[in-house]
Amino acid sequence: MRIDQRAPLSDAQAVQVLTTLIKQRKESVEQFTKGNRPQLAEKEQLEIAMIEGYLPKSASEDDIRAVVQGAISHLTQDGSKLSPKDMGTAMRVVQQRLQASGVRADGKLVSEIVKAELAK
């Protein structure tokens, strides 16, 4: 794949492009479902499945929760207590850890888990 820079994409860039394509199709499925257009929604679902075949394995909710808990314990090892106000900091660490592990995760699910863990 090549983009505006006219150079081959790195693996991370390719994953980012494919993830964006999936997100766009999920939004289309939602709109087509609301608009009572099941044939078009089904077509988008098939495209999502095809694109996902080119991506690394998606992390399960339990995998994400483990990464989030590890990131929060890392951030609190100096004895500080995190609150929901620290959402941005926690999200950055979690995203870095997920990227380093080579798995992909739905950002919305990651955000929900981080928010729940910070509220404890």
PDB file of N, CA and C in Angstrom:
ATOM      1  N   MET A   1       0.839  -1.188   0.000  1.00  0.00           N
ATOM      2  CA  MET A   1       0.000   0.000   0.000  1.00  0.00           C
ATOM      3  C   MET A   1       0.881   1.248   0.000  1.00  0.00           C
ATOM      4  N   ARG A   2       0.401   2.250  -0.626  1.00  0.00           N
ATOM      5  CA  ARG A   2       1.095   3.539  -0.642  1.00  0.00           C
ATOM      6  C   ARG A   2       0.080   4.621  -0.324  1.00  0.00           C
ATOM      7  N   ILE A   3       0.526   5.640   0.369  1.00  0.00           N
ATOM      8  CA  ILE A   3      -0.342   6.770   0.656  1.00  0.00           C
ATOM      9  C   ILE A   3       0.317   8.038   0.161  1.00  0.00           C
ATOM     10  N   ASP A   4      -0.173   9.179   0.577  1.00  0.00           N
ATOM     11  CA  ASP A   4       0.302  10.461   0.073  1.00  0.00           C
ATOM     12  C   ASP A   4       1.814  10.606   0.064  1.00  0.00           C
ATOM     13  N   GLN A   5       2.500   9.980   0.985  1.00  0.00           N
ATOM     14  CA  GLN A   5       3.951  10.138   1.036  1.00  0.00           C
ATOM     15  C   GLN A   5       4.652   9.361  -0.079  1.00  0.00           C
ATOM     16  N   ARG A   6       3.921   8.608  -0.860  1.00  0.00           N
ATOM     17  CA  ARG A   6       4.454   7.863  -1.998  1.00  0.00           C
ATOM     18  C   ARG A   6       5.578   6.907  -1.592  1.00  0.00           C
ATOM     19  N   ALA A   7       5.449   6.346  -0.443  1.00  0.00           N
ATOM     20  CA  ALA A   7       6.416   5.378   0.056  1.00  0.00           C
ATOM     21  C   ALA A   7       5.648   4.201   0.642  1.00  0.00           C
ATOM     22  N   PRO A   8       6.263   3.039   0.702  1.00  0.00           N
ATOM     23  CA  PRO A   8       5.571   1.895   1.312  1.00  0.00           C
ATOM     24  C   PRO A   8       5.195   2.198   2.765  1.00  0.00           C
ATOM     25  N   LEU A   9       4.055   1.676   3.174  1.00  0.00           N
ATOM     26  CA  LEU A   9       3.604   1.874   4.546  1.00  0.00           C
ATOM     27  C   LEU A   9       4.326   0.929   5.494  1.00  0.00           C
ATOM     28  N   SER A  10       4.549   1.409   6.707  1.00  0.00           N
ATOM     29  CA  SER A  10       5.048   0.508   7.746  1.00  0.00           C
ATOM     30  C   SER A  10       3.881  -0.379   8.162  1.00  0.00           C
ATOM     31  N   ASP A  11       4.162  -1.432   8.901  1.00  0.00           N
ATOM     32  CA  ASP A  11       3.091  -2.312   9.366  1.00  0.00           C
ATOM     33  C   ASP A  11       2.093  -1.532  10.218  1.00  0.00           C
ATOM     34  N   ALA A  12       2.593  -0.661  11.086  1.00  0.00           N
ATOM     35  CA  ALA A  12       1.711   0.119  11.961  1.00  0.00           C
ATOM     36  C   ALA A  12       0.808   1.042  11.142  1.00  0.00           C
ATOM     37  N   GLN A  13       1.356   1.656  10.098  1.00  0.00           N
ATOM     38  CA  GLN A  13       0.556   2.539   9.252  1.00  0.00           C
ATOM     39  C   GLN A  13      -0.500   1.743   8.494  1.00  0.00           C
ATOM     40  N   ALA A  14      -0.146   0.569   8.005  1.00  0.00           N
ATOM     41  CA  ALA A  14      -1.098  -0.274   7.279  1.00  0.00           C
ATOM     42  C   ALA A  14      -2.243  -0.684   8.199  1.00  0.00           C
ATOM     43  N   VAL A  15      -1.915  -1.064   9.432  1.00  0.00           N
ATOM     44  CA  VAL A  15      -2.946  -1.444  10.397  1.00  0.00           C
ATOM     45  C   VAL A  15      -3.861  -0.257  10.673  1.00  0.00           C
ATOM     46  N   GLN A  16      -3.286   0.914  10.793  1.00  0.00           N
ATOM     47  CA  GLN A  16      -4.082   2.113  11.053  1.00  0.00           C
ATOM     48  C   GLN A  16      -5.055   2.391   9.895  1.00  0.00           C
ATOM     49  N   VAL A  17      -4.598   2.257   8.668  1.00  0.00           N
ATOM     50  CA  VAL A  17      -5.459   2.473   7.507  1.00  0.00           C
ATOM     51  C   VAL A  17      -6.594   1.450   7.491  1.00  0.00           C
ATOM     52  N   LEU A  18      -6.260   0.179   7.700  1.00  0.00           N
ATOM     53  CA  LEU A  18      -7.282  -0.865   7.685  1.00  0.00           C
ATOM     54  C   LEU A  18      -8.271  -0.698   8.830  1.00  0.00           C
ATOM     55  N   THR A  19      -7.789  -0.278   9.984  1.00  0.00           N
ATOM     56  CA  THR A  19      -8.670  -0.037  11.124  1.00  0.00           C
ATOM     57  C   THR A  19      -9.645   1.098  10.815  1.00  0.00           C
ATOM     58  N   THR A  20      -9.167   2.133  10.156  1.00  0.00           N
ATOM     59  CA  THR A  20     -10.028   3.241   9.760  1.00  0.00           C
ATOM     60  C   THR A  20     -11.104   2.760   8.785  1.00  0.00           C
ATOM     61  N   LEU A  21     -10.718   1.908   7.839  1.00  0.00           N
ATOM     62  CA  LEU A  21     -11.692   1.375   6.887  1.00  0.00           C
ATOM     63  C   LEU A  21     -12.769   0.565   7.600  1.00  0.00           C
ATOM     64  N   ILE A  22     -12.371  -0.212   8.600  1.00  0.00           N
ATOM     65  CA  ILE A  22     -13.343  -0.994   9.363  1.00  0.00           C
ATOM     66  C   ILE A  22     -14.277  -0.069  10.134  1.00  0.00           C
ATOM     67  N   LYS A  23     -13.724   0.952  10.762  1.00  0.00           N
ATOM     68  CA  LYS A  23     -14.542   1.890  11.530  1.00  0.00           C
ATOM     69  C   LYS A  23     -15.579   2.550  10.623  1.00  0.00           C
ATOM     70  N   GLN A  24     -15.164   2.952   9.425  1.00  0.00           N
ATOM     71  CA  GLN A  24     -16.100   3.574   8.483  1.00  0.00           C
ATOM     72  C   GLN A  24     -17.226   2.613   8.125  1.00  0.00           C
ATOM     73  N   ARG A  25     -16.885   1.358   7.910  1.00  0.00           N
ATOM     74  CA  ARG A  25     -17.904   0.387   7.546  1.00  0.00           C
ATOM     75  C   ARG A  25     -18.841   0.081   8.709  1.00  0.00           C
ATOM     76  N   LYS A  26     -18.325   0.068   9.931  1.00  0.00           N
ATOM     77  CA  LYS A  26     -19.192  -0.148  11.094  1.00  0.00           C
ATOM     78  C   LYS A  26     -20.192   0.994  11.233  1.00  0.00           C
ATOM     79  N   GLU A  27     -19.741   2.214  10.970  1.00  0.00           N
ATOM     80  CA  GLU A  27     -20.648   3.357  11.005  1.00  0.00           C
ATOM     81  C   GLU A  27     -21.715   3.223   9.918  1.00  0.00           C
ATOM     82  N   SER A  28     -21.307   2.742   8.747  1.00  0.00           N
ATOM     83  CA  SER A  28     -22.264   2.536   7.653  1.00  0.00           C
ATOM     84  C   SER A  28     -23.290   1.474   8.026  1.00  0.00           C
ATOM     85  N   VAL A  29     -22.831   0.378   8.643  1.00  0.00           N
ATOM     86  CA  VAL A  29     -23.756  -0.684   9.062  1.00  0.00           C
ATOM     87  C   VAL A  29     -24.801  -0.099  10.007  1.00  0.00           C
ATOM     88  N   GLU A  30     -24.343   0.704  10.953  1.00  0.00           N
ATOM     89  CA  GLU A  30     -25.260   1.318  11.917  1.00  0.00           C
ATOM     90  C   GLU A  30     -26.298   2.190  11.200  1.00  0.00           C
ATOM     91  N   GLN A  31     -25.842   3.003  10.265  1.00  0.00           N
ATOM     92  CA  GLN A  31     -26.750   3.887   9.532  1.00  0.00           C
ATOM     93  C   GLN A  31     -27.720   3.085   8.652  1.00  0.00           C
ATOM     94  N   PHE A  32     -27.210   2.066   7.969  1.00  0.00           N
ATOM     95  CA  PHE A  32     -28.074   1.263   7.113  1.00  0.00           C
ATOM     96  C   PHE A  32     -29.099   0.489   7.931  1.00  0.00           C
ATOM     97  N   THR A  33     -28.695   0.030   9.110  1.00  0.00           N
ATOM     98  CA  THR A  33     -29.624  -0.681   9.983  1.00  0.00           C
ATOM     99  C   THR A  33     -30.724   0.259  10.461  1.00  0.00           C
ATOM    100  N   LYS A  34     -30.344   1.462  10.877  1.00  0.00           N
ATOM    101  CA  LYS A  34     -31.334   2.460  11.301  1.00  0.00           C
ATOM    102  C   LYS A  34     -32.255   2.839  10.148  1.00  0.00           C
ATOM    103  N   GLY A  35     -31.714   2.874   8.944  1.00  0.00           N
ATOM    104  CA  GLY A  35     -32.482   3.254   7.766  1.00  0.00           C
ATOM    105  C   GLY A  35     -33.243   2.104   7.137  1.00  0.00           C
ATOM    106  N   ASN A  36     -33.277   0.955   7.813  1.00  0.00           N
ATOM    107  CA  ASN A  36     -33.995  -0.221   7.341  1.00  0.00           C
ATOM    108  C   ASN A  36     -33.502  -0.656   5.955  1.00  0.00           C
ATOM    109  N   ARG A  37     -32.193  -0.738   5.793  1.00  0.00           N
ATOM    110  CA  ARG A  37     -31.571  -1.172   4.545  1.00  0.00           C
ATOM    111  C   ARG A  37     -30.679  -2.391   4.837  1.00  0.00           C
ATOM    112  N   PRO A  38     -31.274  -3.528   5.189  1.00  0.00           N
ATOM    113  CA  PRO A  38     -30.481  -4.693   5.616  1.00  0.00           C
ATOM    114  C   PRO A  38     -29.527  -5.226   4.552  1.00  0.00           C
ATOM    115  N   GLN A  39     -29.882  -5.106   3.260  1.00  0.00           N
ATOM    116  CA  GLN A  39     -28.991  -5.614   2.217  1.00  0.00           C
ATOM    117  C   GLN A  39     -27.675  -4.833   2.204  1.00  0.00           C
ATOM    118  N   LEU A  40     -27.777  -3.523   2.336  1.00  0.00           N
ATOM    119  CA  LEU A  40     -26.570  -2.701   2.344  1.00  0.00           C
ATOM    120  C   LEU A  40     -25.752  -2.932   3.613  1.00  0.00           C
ATOM    121  N   ALA A  41     -26.440  -3.112   4.747  1.00  0.00           N
ATOM    122  CA  ALA A  41     -25.742  -3.397   6.006  1.00  0.00           C
ATOM    123  C   ALA A  41     -24.982  -4.719   5.904  1.00  0.00           C
ATOM    124  N   GLU A  42     -25.603  -5.704   5.284  1.00  0.00           N
ATOM    125  CA  GLU A  42     -24.954  -7.010   5.128  1.00  0.00           C
ATOM    126  C   GLU A  42     -23.717  -6.906   4.236  1.00  0.00           C
ATOM    127  N   LYS A  43     -23.803  -6.117   3.178  1.00  0.00           N
ATOM    128  CA  LYS A  43     -22.661  -5.909   2.287  1.00  0.00           C
ATOM    129  C   LYS A  43     -21.492  -5.297   3.060  1.00  0.00           C
ATOM    130  N   GLU A  44     -21.781  -4.317   3.898  1.00  0.00           N
ATOM    131  CA  GLU A  44     -20.731  -3.675   4.707  1.00  0.00           C
ATOM    132  C   GLU A  44     -20.140  -4.670   5.700  1.00  0.00           C
ATOM    133  N   GLN A  45     -20.973  -5.530   6.293  1.00  0.00           N
ATOM    134  CA  GLN A  45     -20.485  -6.538   7.245  1.00  0.00           C
ATOM    135  C   GLN A  45     -19.519  -7.500   6.550  1.00  0.00           C
ATOM    136  N   LEU A  46     -19.847  -7.875   5.317  1.00  0.00           N
ATOM    137  CA  LEU A  46     -18.954  -8.767   4.566  1.00  0.00           C
ATOM    138  C   LEU A  46     -17.615  -8.094   4.288  1.00  0.00           C
ATOM    139  N   GLU A  47     -17.650  -6.802   3.981  1.00  0.00           N
ATOM    140  CA  GLU A  47     -16.408  -6.070   3.752  1.00  0.00           C
ATOM    141  C   GLU A  47     -15.582  -5.978   5.028  1.00  0.00           C
ATOM    142  N   ILE A  48     -16.257  -5.800   6.175  1.00  0.00           N
ATOM    143  CA  ILE A  48     -15.548  -5.754   7.462  1.00  0.00           C
ATOM    144  C   ILE A  48     -14.812  -7.075   7.681  1.00  0.00           C
ATOM    145  N   ALA A  49     -15.503  -8.179   7.457  1.00  0.00           N
ATOM    146  CA  ALA A  49     -14.886  -9.494   7.651  1.00  0.00           C
ATOM    147  C   ALA A  49     -13.681  -9.682   6.731  1.00  0.00           C
ATOM    148  N   MET A  50     -13.803  -9.212   5.493  1.00  0.00           N
ATOM    149  CA  MET A  50     -12.702  -9.338   4.544  1.00  0.00           C
ATOM    150  C   MET A  50     -11.492  -8.517   4.998  1.00  0.00           C
ATOM    151  N   ILE A  51     -11.713  -7.286   5.412  1.00  0.00           N
ATOM    152  CA  ILE A  51     -10.622  -6.411   5.857  1.00  0.00           C
ATOM    153  C   ILE A  51      -9.959  -6.968   7.108  1.00  0.00           C
ATOM    154  N   GLU A  52     -10.779  -7.497   8.039  1.00  0.00           N
ATOM    155  CA  GLU A  52     -10.229  -8.032   9.281  1.00  0.00           C
ATOM    156  C   GLU A  52      -9.264  -9.188   9.032  1.00  0.00           C
ATOM    157  N   GLY A  53      -9.414  -9.878   7.912  1.00  0.00           N
ATOM    158  CA  GLY A  53      -8.516 -10.968   7.567  1.00  0.00           C
ATOM    159  C   GLY A  53      -7.070 -10.510   7.369  1.00  0.00           C
ATOM    160  N   TYR A  54      -6.878  -9.229   7.109  1.00  0.00           N
ATOM    161  CA  TYR A  54      -5.538  -8.679   6.893  1.00  0.00           C
ATOM    162  C   TYR A  54      -4.934  -8.057   8.158  1.00  0.00           C
ATOM    163  N   LEU A  55      -5.699  -8.055   9.235  1.00  0.00           N
ATOM    164  CA  LEU A  55      -5.237  -7.418  10.471  1.00  0.00           C
ATOM    165  C   LEU A  55      -4.762  -8.441  11.488  1.00  0.00           C
ATOM    166  N   PRO A  56      -3.918  -7.997  12.433  1.00  0.00           N
ATOM    167  CA  PRO A  56      -3.526  -8.892  13.527  1.00  0.00           C
ATOM    168  C   PRO A  56      -4.745  -9.255  14.368  1.00  0.00           C
ATOM    169  N   LYS A  57      -4.583 -10.258  15.168  1.00  0.00           N
ATOM    170  CA  LYS A  57      -5.651 -10.727  16.044  1.00  0.00           C
ATOM    171  C   LYS A  57      -6.161  -9.577  16.916  1.00  0.00           C
ATOM    172  N   SER A  58      -7.474  -9.551  17.096  1.00  0.00           N
ATOM    173  CA  SER A  58      -8.087  -8.540  17.945  1.00  0.00           C
ATOM    174  C   SER A  58      -8.046  -9.021  19.398  1.00  0.00           C
ATOM    175  N   ALA A  59      -7.710  -8.115  20.309  1.00  0.00           N
ATOM    176  CA  ALA A  59      -7.616  -8.468  21.729  1.00  0.00           C
ATOM    177  C   ALA A  59      -9.005  -8.703  22.310  1.00  0.00           C
ATOM    178  N   SER A  60      -9.115  -9.669  23.194  1.00  0.00           N
ATOM    179  CA  SER A  60     -10.383  -9.934  23.865  1.00  0.00           C
ATOM    180  C   SER A  60     -10.572  -8.912  24.986  1.00  0.00           C
ATOM    181  N   GLU A  61     -11.770  -8.850  25.511  1.00  0.00           N
ATOM    182  CA  GLU A  61     -12.055  -7.927  26.610  1.00  0.00           C
ATOM    183  C   GLU A  61     -11.176  -8.239  27.819  1.00  0.00           C
ATOM    184  N   ASP A  62     -10.962  -9.531  28.102  1.00  0.00           N
ATOM    185  CA  ASP A  62     -10.112  -9.919  29.230  1.00  0.00           C
ATOM    186  C   ASP A  62      -8.657  -9.502  29.004  1.00  0.00           C
ATOM    187  N   ASP A  63      -8.181  -9.643  27.753  1.00  0.00           N
ATOM    188  CA  ASP A  63      -6.815  -9.216  27.433  1.00  0.00           C
ATOM    189  C   ASP A  63      -6.662  -7.712  27.649  1.00  0.00           C
ATOM    190  N   ILE A  64      -7.647  -6.957  27.186  1.00  0.00           N
ATOM    191  CA  ILE A  64      -7.604  -5.497  27.335  1.00  0.00           C
ATOM    192  C   ILE A  64      -7.628  -5.125  28.808  1.00  0.00           C
ATOM    193  N   ARG A  65      -8.507  -5.771  29.570  1.00  0.00           N
ATOM    194  CA  ARG A  65      -8.609  -5.482  31.007  1.00  0.00           C
ATOM    195  C   ARG A  65      -7.274  -5.740  31.703  1.00  0.00           C
ATOM    196  N   ALA A  66      -6.583  -6.821  31.330  1.00  0.00           N
ATOM    197  CA  ALA A  66      -5.283  -7.136  31.929  1.00  0.00           C
ATOM    198  C   ALA A  66      -4.264  -6.044  31.606  1.00  0.00           C
ATOM    199  N   VAL A  67      -4.252  -5.563  30.359  1.00  0.00           N
ATOM    200  CA  VAL A  67      -3.325  -4.497  29.971  1.00  0.00           C
ATOM    201  C   VAL A  67      -3.659  -3.213  30.738  1.00  0.00           C
ATOM    202  N   VAL A  68      -4.943  -2.903  30.856  1.00  0.00           N
ATOM    203  CA  VAL A  68      -5.374  -1.690  31.570  1.00  0.00           C
ATOM    204  C   VAL A  68      -4.954  -1.773  33.034  1.00  0.00           C
ATOM    205  N   GLN A  69      -5.200  -2.896  33.662  1.00  0.00           N
ATOM    206  CA  GLN A  69      -4.833  -3.046  35.076  1.00  0.00           C
ATOM    207  C   GLN A  69      -3.320  -2.952  35.256  1.00  0.00           C
ATOM    208  N   GLY A  70      -2.560  -3.533  34.328  1.00  0.00           N
ATOM    209  CA  GLY A  70      -1.104  -3.428  34.399  1.00  0.00           C
ATOM    210  C   GLY A  70      -0.634  -1.996  34.241  1.00  0.00           C
ATOM    211  N   ALA A  71      -1.252  -1.260  33.320  1.00  0.00           N
ATOM    212  CA  ALA A  71      -0.877   0.144  33.100  1.00  0.00           C
ATOM    213  C   ALA A  71      -1.218   0.985  34.324  1.00  0.00           C
ATOM    214  N   ILE A  72      -2.372   0.745  34.915  1.00  0.00           N
ATOM    215  CA  ILE A  72      -2.770   1.527  36.099  1.00  0.00           C
ATOM    216  C   ILE A  72      -1.852   1.211  37.269  1.00  0.00           C
ATOM    217  N   SER A  73      -1.501  -0.060  37.452  1.00  0.00           N
ATOM    218  CA  SER A  73      -0.587  -0.385  38.560  1.00  0.00           C
ATOM    219  C   SER A  73       0.790   0.229  38.320  1.00  0.00           C
ATOM    220  N   HIS A  74       1.210   0.305  37.060  1.00  0.00           N
ATOM    221  CA  HIS A  74       2.485   0.958  36.730  1.00  0.00           C
ATOM    222  C   HIS A  74       2.411   2.451  37.075  1.00  0.00           C
ATOM    223  N   LEU A  75       1.295   3.078  36.745  1.00  0.00           N
ATOM    224  CA  LEU A  75       1.136   4.515  37.004  1.00  0.00           C
ATOM    225  C   LEU A  75       1.001   4.837  38.492  1.00  0.00           C
ATOM    226  N   THR A  76       0.593   3.852  39.289  1.00  0.00           N
ATOM    227  CA  THR A  76       0.394   4.097  40.716  1.00  0.00           C
ATOM    228  C   THR A  76       1.487   3.483  41.583  1.00  0.00           C
ATOM    229  N   GLN A  77       2.561   3.000  40.967  1.00  0.00           N
ATOM    230  CA  GLN A  77       3.585   2.343  41.766  1.00  0.00           C
ATOM    231  C   GLN A  77       4.320   3.308  42.697  1.00  0.00           C
ATOM    232  N   ASP A  78       4.223   4.604  42.448  1.00  0.00           N
ATOM    233  CA  ASP A  78       4.842   5.574  43.359  1.00  0.00           C
ATOM    234  C   ASP A  78       3.922   5.922  44.528  1.00  0.00           C
ATOM    235  N   GLY A  79       2.790   5.207  44.610  1.00  0.00           N
ATOM    236  CA  GLY A  79       1.867   5.426  45.722  1.00  0.00           C
ATOM    237  C   GLY A  79       0.753   6.405  45.412  1.00  0.00           C
ATOM    238  N   SER A  80       0.782   7.024  44.247  1.00  0.00           N
ATOM    239  CA  SER A  80      -0.281   7.972  43.907  1.00  0.00           C
ATOM    240  C   SER A  80      -1.564   7.221  43.565  1.00  0.00           C
ATOM    241  N   LYS A  81      -2.660   7.906  43.700  1.00  0.00           N
ATOM    242  CA  LYS A  81      -3.976   7.337  43.413  1.00  0.00           C
ATOM    243  C   LYS A  81      -4.511   7.991  42.152  1.00  0.00           C
ATOM    244  N   LEU A  82      -4.986   7.186  41.209  1.00  0.00           N
ATOM    245  CA  LEU A  82      -5.560   7.725  39.981  1.00  0.00           C
ATOM    246  C   LEU A  82      -7.062   7.906  40.135  1.00  0.00           C
ATOM    247  N   SER A  83      -7.581   8.904  39.447  1.00  0.00           N
ATOM    248  CA  SER A  83      -9.015   9.158  39.448  1.00  0.00           C
ATOM    249  C   SER A  83      -9.468   9.266  37.996  1.00  0.00           C
ATOM    250  N   PRO A  84     -10.765   9.381  37.766  1.00  0.00           N
ATOM    251  CA  PRO A  84     -11.246   9.538  36.389  1.00  0.00           C
ATOM    252  C   PRO A  84     -10.623  10.735  35.660  1.00  0.00           C
ATOM    253  N   LYS A  85     -10.090  11.712  36.401  1.00  0.00           N
ATOM    254  CA  LYS A  85      -9.436  12.862  35.766  1.00  0.00           C
ATOM    255  C   LYS A  85      -8.140  12.454  35.060  1.00  0.00           C
ATOM    256  N   ASP A  86      -7.594  11.293  35.412  1.00  0.00           N
ATOM    257  CA  ASP A  86      -6.347  10.806  34.827  1.00  0.00           C
ATOM    258  C   ASP A  86      -6.593   9.917  33.600  1.00  0.00           C
ATOM    259  N   MET A  87      -7.770  10.014  33.028  1.00  0.00           N
ATOM    260  CA  MET A  87      -8.159   9.179  31.890  1.00  0.00           C
ATOM    261  C   MET A  87      -7.168   9.316  30.727  1.00  0.00           C
ATOM    262  N   GLY A  88      -6.796  10.527  30.363  1.00  0.00           N
ATOM    263  CA  GLY A  88      -5.893  10.748  29.231  1.00  0.00           C
ATOM    264  C   GLY A  88      -4.544  10.085  29.434  1.00  0.00           C
ATOM    265  N   THR A  89      -3.992  10.240  30.615  1.00  0.00           N
ATOM    266  CA  THR A  89      -2.691   9.644  30.925  1.00  0.00           C
ATOM    267  C   THR A  89      -2.776   8.121  30.854  1.00  0.00           C
ATOM    268  N   ALA A  90      -3.816   7.572  31.464  1.00  0.00           N
ATOM    269  CA  ALA A  90      -3.982   6.120  31.466  1.00  0.00           C
ATOM    270  C   ALA A  90      -4.193   5.588  30.044  1.00  0.00           C
ATOM    271  N   MET A  91      -4.993   6.281  29.253  1.00  0.00           N
ATOM    272  CA  MET A  91      -5.251   5.847  27.875  1.00  0.00           C
ATOM    273  C   MET A  91      -3.964   5.824  27.051  1.00  0.00           C
ATOM    274  N   ARG A  92      -3.111   6.838  27.220  1.00  0.00           N
ATOM    275  CA  ARG A  92      -1.851   6.874  26.469  1.00  0.00           C
ATOM    276  C   ARG A  92      -0.991   5.651  26.792  1.00  0.00           C
ATOM    277  N   VAL A  93      -0.866   5.338  28.074  1.00  0.00           N
ATOM    278  CA  VAL A  93      -0.048   4.190  28.485  1.00  0.00           C
ATOM    279  C   VAL A  93      -0.658   2.884  27.969  1.00  0.00           C
ATOM    280  N   VAL A  94      -1.974   2.756  28.087  1.00  0.00           N
ATOM    281  CA  VAL A  94      -2.648   1.540  27.625  1.00  0.00           C
ATOM    282  C   VAL A  94      -2.469   1.369  26.115  1.00  0.00           C
ATOM    283  N   GLN A  95      -2.677   2.443  25.346  1.00  0.00           N
ATOM    284  CA  GLN A  95      -2.534   2.361  23.892  1.00  0.00           C
ATOM    285  C   GLN A  95      -1.103   1.971  23.501  1.00  0.00           C
ATOM    286  N   GLN A  96      -0.106   2.533  24.190  1.00  0.00           N
ATOM    287  CA  GLN A  96       1.285   2.179  23.910  1.00  0.00           C
ATOM    288  C   GLN A  96       1.527   0.697  24.185  1.00  0.00           C
ATOM    289  N   ARG A  97       0.988   0.203  25.292  1.00  0.00           N
ATOM    290  CA  ARG A  97       1.186  -1.202  25.645  1.00  0.00           C
ATOM    291  C   ARG A  97       0.485  -2.127  24.654  1.00  0.00           C
ATOM    292  N   LEU A  98      -0.716  -1.750  24.225  1.00  0.00           N
ATOM    293  CA  LEU A  98      -1.437  -2.565  23.249  1.00  0.00           C
ATOM    294  C   LEU A  98      -0.686  -2.597  21.919  1.00  0.00           C
ATOM    295  N   GLN A  99      -0.199  -1.447  21.493  1.00  0.00           N
ATOM    296  CA  GLN A  99       0.533  -1.368  20.240  1.00  0.00           C
ATOM    297  C   GLN A  99       1.816  -2.201  20.314  1.00  0.00           C
ATOM    298  N   ALA A 100       2.511  -2.133  21.445  1.00  0.00           N
ATOM    299  CA  ALA A 100       3.755  -2.878  21.625  1.00  0.00           C
ATOM    300  C   ALA A 100       3.506  -4.388  21.623  1.00  0.00           C
ATOM    301  N   SER A 101       2.326  -4.792  22.094  1.00  0.00           N
ATOM    302  CA  SER A 101       2.022  -6.226  22.148  1.00  0.00           C
ATOM    303  C   SER A 101       1.620  -6.784  20.789  1.00  0.00           C
ATOM    304  N   GLY A 102       1.360  -5.902  19.820  1.00  0.00           N
ATOM    305  CA  GLY A 102       1.047  -6.364  18.472  1.00  0.00           C
ATOM    306  C   GLY A 102      -0.387  -6.788  18.260  1.00  0.00           C
ATOM    307  N   VAL A 103      -1.247  -6.518  19.217  1.00  0.00           N
ATOM    308  CA  VAL A 103      -2.670  -6.827  19.032  1.00  0.00           C
ATOM    309  C   VAL A 103      -3.414  -5.526  18.784  1.00  0.00           C
ATOM    310  N   ARG A 104      -4.598  -5.654  18.241  1.00  0.00           N
ATOM    311  CA  ARG A 104      -5.403  -4.456  18.048  1.00  0.00           C
ATOM    312  C   ARG A 104      -6.609  -4.539  18.968  1.00  0.00           C
ATOM    313  N   ALA A 105      -7.125  -3.393  19.316  1.00  0.00           N
ATOM    314  CA  ALA A 105      -8.257  -3.350  20.226  1.00  0.00           C
ATOM    315  C   ALA A 105      -9.173  -2.205  19.837  1.00  0.00           C
ATOM    316  N   ASP A 106     -10.456  -2.428  20.013  1.00  0.00           N
ATOM    317  CA  ASP A 106     -11.449  -1.404  19.735  1.00  0.00           C
ATOM    318  C   ASP A 106     -11.278  -0.265  20.743  1.00  0.00           C
ATOM    319  N   GLY A 107     -11.033   0.933  20.241  1.00  0.00           N
ATOM    320  CA  GLY A 107     -10.788   2.087  21.104  1.00  0.00           C
ATOM    321  C   GLY A 107     -11.922   2.387  22.051  1.00  0.00           C
ATOM    322  N   LYS A 108     -13.147   2.185  21.599  1.00  0.00           N
ATOM    323  CA  LYS A 108     -14.315   2.445  22.449  1.00  0.00           C
ATOM    324  C   LYS A 108     -14.336   1.484  23.639  1.00  0.00           C
ATOM    325  N   LEU A 109     -14.036   0.221  23.380  1.00  0.00           N
ATOM    326  CA  LEU A 109     -14.000  -0.777  24.452  1.00  0.00           C
ATOM    327  C   LEU A 109     -12.855  -0.473  25.420  1.00  0.00           C
ATOM    328  N   VAL A 110     -11.697  -0.105  24.888  1.00  0.00           N
ATOM    329  CA  VAL A 110     -10.555   0.250  25.736  1.00  0.00           C
ATOM    330  C   VAL A 110     -10.937   1.411  26.641  1.00  0.00           C
ATOM    331  N   SER A 111     -11.558   2.425  26.078  1.00  0.00           N
ATOM    332  CA  SER A 111     -11.960   3.605  26.838  1.00  0.00           C
ATOM    333  C   SER A 111     -12.933   3.236  27.964  1.00  0.00           C
ATOM    334  N   GLU A 112     -13.908   2.387  27.647  1.00  0.00           N
ATOM    335  CA  GLU A 112     -14.887   1.967  28.663  1.00  0.00           C
ATOM    336  C   GLU A 112     -14.203   1.218  29.804  1.00  0.00           C
ATOM    337  N   ILE A 113     -13.264   0.343  29.472  1.00  0.00           N
ATOM    338  CA  ILE A 113     -12.567  -0.442  30.506  1.00  0.00           C
ATOM    339  C   ILE A 113     -11.691   0.472  31.358  1.00  0.00           C
ATOM    340  N   VAL A 114     -10.962   1.397  30.721  1.00  0.00           N
ATOM    341  CA  VAL A 114     -10.117   2.337  31.478  1.00  0.00           C
ATOM    342  C   VAL A 114     -10.987   3.152  32.430  1.00  0.00           C
ATOM    343  N   LYS A 115     -12.109   3.654  31.928  1.00  0.00           N
ATOM    344  CA  LYS A 115     -13.014   4.466  32.757  1.00  0.00           C
ATOM    345  C   LYS A 115     -13.518   3.664  33.953  1.00  0.00           C
ATOM    346  N   ALA A 116     -13.898   2.400  33.714  1.00  0.00           N
ATOM    347  CA  ALA A 116     -14.393   1.553  34.797  1.00  0.00           C
ATOM    348  C   ALA A 116     -13.302   1.272  35.833  1.00  0.00           C
ATOM    349  N   GLU A 117     -12.080   1.018  35.368  1.00  0.00           N
ATOM    350  CA  GLU A 117     -10.982   0.710  36.285  1.00  0.00           C
ATOM    351  C   GLU A 117     -10.573   1.950  37.095  1.00  0.00           C
ATOM    352  N   LEU A 118     -10.630   3.114  36.491  1.00  0.00           N
ATOM    353  CA  LEU A 118     -10.287   4.344  37.215  1.00  0.00           C
ATOM    354  C   LEU A 118     -11.352   4.697  38.247  1.00  0.00           C
ATOM    355  N   ALA A 119     -12.575   4.274  38.023  1.00  0.00           N
ATOM    356  CA  ALA A 119     -13.662   4.589  38.950  1.00  0.00           C
ATOM    357  C   ALA A 119     -13.627   3.712  40.205  1.00  0.00           C
ATOM    358  N   LYS A 120     -12.829   2.646  40.186  1.00  0.00           N
ATOM    359  CA  LYS A 120     -12.759   1.741  41.349  1.00  0.00           C
ATOM    360  C   LYS A 120     -12.116   2.395  42.538  1.00  0.00           C
TER     361      LYS A 120
END
